[in-house]
Amino acid sequence: MATIRLPRGDSLPATLIPPPPGLTSNFVDPQDQAYIVLVPAFVLAALSLVSLTARGYAAGIIVRKWGITDCECLLIFSQMTRMLTSIL
């Protein structure tokens, strides 16, 4: 098992919990699992864009009355897209 050297000469094992039998730890080239988060996030962002567009159309074109909740929806959507672009 690999060890980590500490400044005072002490050492620790590279992993505190050993991997399950038959598996080895891969710290050099680990498997990428970003798609597990990114795919649902962008699918849900697309669905929220569709619903935001429908809400904006209903409030602005059909009813012709834009309320504070519509502005809040725009603000929340802009914050969500800012958050999604920051994790890319």
C-alpha atoms as a PDB file:
ATOM      1  CA  MET A   1       0.000   0.000   0.000  1.00  0.00           C
ATOM      2  CA  ALA A   2       1.269   3.489  -0.817  1.00  0.00           C
ATOM      3  CA  THR A   3       2.074   5.887   1.986  1.00  0.00           C
ATOM      4  CA  ILE A   4       2.000   9.661   2.321  1.00  0.00           C
ATOM      5  CA  ARG A   5       5.066  11.287   3.880  1.00  0.00           C
ATOM      6  CA  LEU A   6       4.312  14.025   6.398  1.00  0.00           C
ATOM      7  CA  PRO A   7       6.658  16.976   7.121  1.00  0.00           C
ATOM      8  CA  ARG A   8       7.933  15.545  10.430  1.00  0.00           C
ATOM      9  CA  GLY A   9       8.853  12.207   8.883  1.00  0.00           C
ATOM     10  CA  ASP A  10       5.641  10.462   9.907  1.00  0.00           C
ATOM     11  CA  SER A  11       3.668   8.567   7.303  1.00  0.00           C
ATOM     12  CA  LEU A  12       0.019   7.733   6.679  1.00  0.00           C
ATOM     13  CA  PRO A  13      -1.526   5.182   4.352  1.00  0.00           C
ATOM     14  CA  ALA A  14      -2.692   6.734   1.057  1.00  0.00           C
ATOM     15  CA  THR A  15      -6.245   5.618   1.808  1.00  0.00           C
ATOM     16  CA  LEU A  16      -7.748   5.404   5.257  1.00  0.00           C
ATOM     17  CA  ILE A  17     -10.191   2.707   4.150  1.00  0.00           C
ATOM     18  CA  PRO A  18      -8.807   0.034   1.819  1.00  0.00           C
ATOM     19  CA  PRO A  19     -10.725  -0.627  -1.414  1.00  0.00           C
ATOM     20  CA  PRO A  20     -13.093  -3.598  -1.573  1.00  0.00           C
ATOM     21  CA  PRO A  21     -11.554  -6.990  -2.355  1.00  0.00           C
ATOM     22  CA  GLY A  22     -10.719  -7.343  -6.032  1.00  0.00           C
ATOM     23  CA  LEU A  23     -10.568  -3.572  -6.696  1.00  0.00           C
ATOM     24  CA  THR A  24      -7.641  -1.167  -6.682  1.00  0.00           C
ATOM     25  CA  SER A  25      -7.624   2.579  -6.050  1.00  0.00           C
ATOM     26  CA  ASN A  26      -6.910   4.746  -9.087  1.00  0.00           C
ATOM     27  CA  PHE A  27      -5.640   8.150  -7.977  1.00  0.00           C
ATOM     28  CA  VAL A  28      -3.660   8.869 -11.158  1.00  0.00           C
ATOM     29  CA  ASP A  29      -6.450   8.703 -13.761  1.00  0.00           C
ATOM     30  CA  PRO A  30      -9.813   8.430 -11.963  1.00  0.00           C
ATOM     31  CA  GLN A  31     -13.040   7.740 -13.814  1.00  0.00           C
ATOM     32  CA  ASP A  32     -14.948  10.897 -14.804  1.00  0.00           C
ATOM     33  CA  GLN A  33     -18.464  11.002 -13.360  1.00  0.00           C
ATOM     34  CA  ALA A  34     -19.361  14.623 -14.141  1.00  0.00           C
ATOM     35  CA  TYR A  35     -22.055  13.518 -16.597  1.00  0.00           C
ATOM     36  CA  ILE A  36     -24.090  12.167 -13.657  1.00  0.00           C
ATOM     37  CA  VAL A  37     -24.634  15.763 -12.527  1.00  0.00           C
ATOM     38  CA  LEU A  38     -24.392  17.702 -15.790  1.00  0.00           C
ATOM     39  CA  VAL A  39     -26.920  15.794 -17.913  1.00  0.00           C
ATOM     40  CA  PRO A  40     -29.882  16.108 -15.500  1.00  0.00           C
ATOM     41  CA  ALA A  41     -28.925  19.712 -14.705  1.00  0.00           C
ATOM     42  CA  PHE A  42     -29.043  20.779 -18.346  1.00  0.00           C
ATOM     43  CA  VAL A  43     -32.202  18.769 -19.082  1.00  0.00           C
ATOM     44  CA  LEU A  44     -33.968  20.450 -16.167  1.00  0.00           C
ATOM     45  CA  ALA A  45     -32.607  23.846 -17.238  1.00  0.00           C
ATOM     46  CA  ALA A  46     -34.085  23.324 -20.698  1.00  0.00           C
ATOM     47  CA  LEU A  47     -37.447  22.361 -19.197  1.00  0.00           C
ATOM     48  CA  SER A  48     -37.411  25.414 -16.953  1.00  0.00           C
ATOM     49  CA  LEU A  49     -36.623  27.608 -19.970  1.00  0.00           C
ATOM     50  CA  VAL A  50     -39.690  26.200 -21.745  1.00  0.00           C
ATOM     51  CA  SER A  51     -41.901  26.871 -18.722  1.00  0.00           C
ATOM     52  CA  LEU A  52     -40.408  30.354 -18.257  1.00  0.00           C
ATOM     53  CA  THR A  53     -41.127  31.139 -21.903  1.00  0.00           C
ATOM     54  CA  ALA A  54     -44.716  29.924 -21.549  1.00  0.00           C
ATOM     55  CA  ARG A  55     -45.167  31.998 -18.385  1.00  0.00           C
ATOM     56  CA  GLY A  56     -43.696  35.080 -20.044  1.00  0.00           C
ATOM     57  CA  TYR A  57     -45.928  34.623 -23.078  1.00  0.00           C
ATOM     58  CA  ALA A  58     -49.026  34.213 -20.910  1.00  0.00           C
ATOM     59  CA  ALA A  59     -48.200  37.181 -18.683  1.00  0.00           C
ATOM     60  CA  GLY A  60     -46.904  39.541 -21.352  1.00  0.00           C
ATOM     61  CA  ILE A  61     -48.952  38.719 -24.450  1.00  0.00           C
ATOM     62  CA  ILE A  62     -52.199  37.075 -23.366  1.00  0.00           C
ATOM     63  CA  VAL A  63     -52.989  38.769 -20.035  1.00  0.00           C
ATOM     64  CA  ARG A  64     -50.824  41.876 -20.673  1.00  0.00           C
ATOM     65  CA  LYS A  65     -50.013  42.203 -16.996  1.00  0.00           C
ATOM     66  CA  TRP A  66     -46.450  41.620 -15.825  1.00  0.00           C
ATOM     67  CA  GLY A  67     -46.234  40.973 -12.080  1.00  0.00           C
ATOM     68  CA  ILE A  68     -43.511  40.833  -9.484  1.00  0.00           C
ATOM     69  CA  THR A  69     -43.573  37.032  -9.546  1.00  0.00           C
ATOM     70  CA  ASP A  70     -42.704  37.100 -13.243  1.00  0.00           C
ATOM     71  CA  CYS A  71     -39.689  39.265 -12.471  1.00  0.00           C
ATOM     72  CA  GLU A  72     -38.714  36.868  -9.700  1.00  0.00           C
ATOM     73  CA  CYS A  73     -38.893  33.945 -12.147  1.00  0.00           C
ATOM     74  CA  LEU A  74     -36.546  35.764 -14.517  1.00  0.00           C
ATOM     75  CA  LEU A  75     -34.148  36.539 -11.688  1.00  0.00           C
ATOM     76  CA  ILE A  76     -34.138  32.927 -10.479  1.00  0.00           C
ATOM     77  CA  PHE A  77     -33.618  31.615 -14.005  1.00  0.00           C
ATOM     78  CA  SER A  78     -30.695  33.987 -14.552  1.00  0.00           C
ATOM     79  CA  GLN A  79     -29.110  32.820 -11.289  1.00  0.00           C
ATOM     80  CA  MET A  80     -29.601  29.182 -12.296  1.00  0.00           C
ATOM     81  CA  THR A  81     -27.945  29.679 -15.681  1.00  0.00           C
ATOM     82  CA  ARG A  82     -25.072  31.560 -14.024  1.00  0.00           C
ATOM     83  CA  MET A  83     -24.589  28.640 -11.642  1.00  0.00           C
ATOM     84  CA  LEU A  84     -24.694  26.089 -14.472  1.00  0.00           C
ATOM     85  CA  THR A  85     -22.139  27.958 -16.547  1.00  0.00           C
ATOM     86  CA  SER A  86     -19.825  28.261 -13.563  1.00  0.00           C
ATOM     87  CA  ILE A  87     -19.561  24.482 -13.165  1.00  0.00           C
ATOM     88  CA  LEU A  88     -18.533  23.917 -16.763  1.00  0.00           C
END
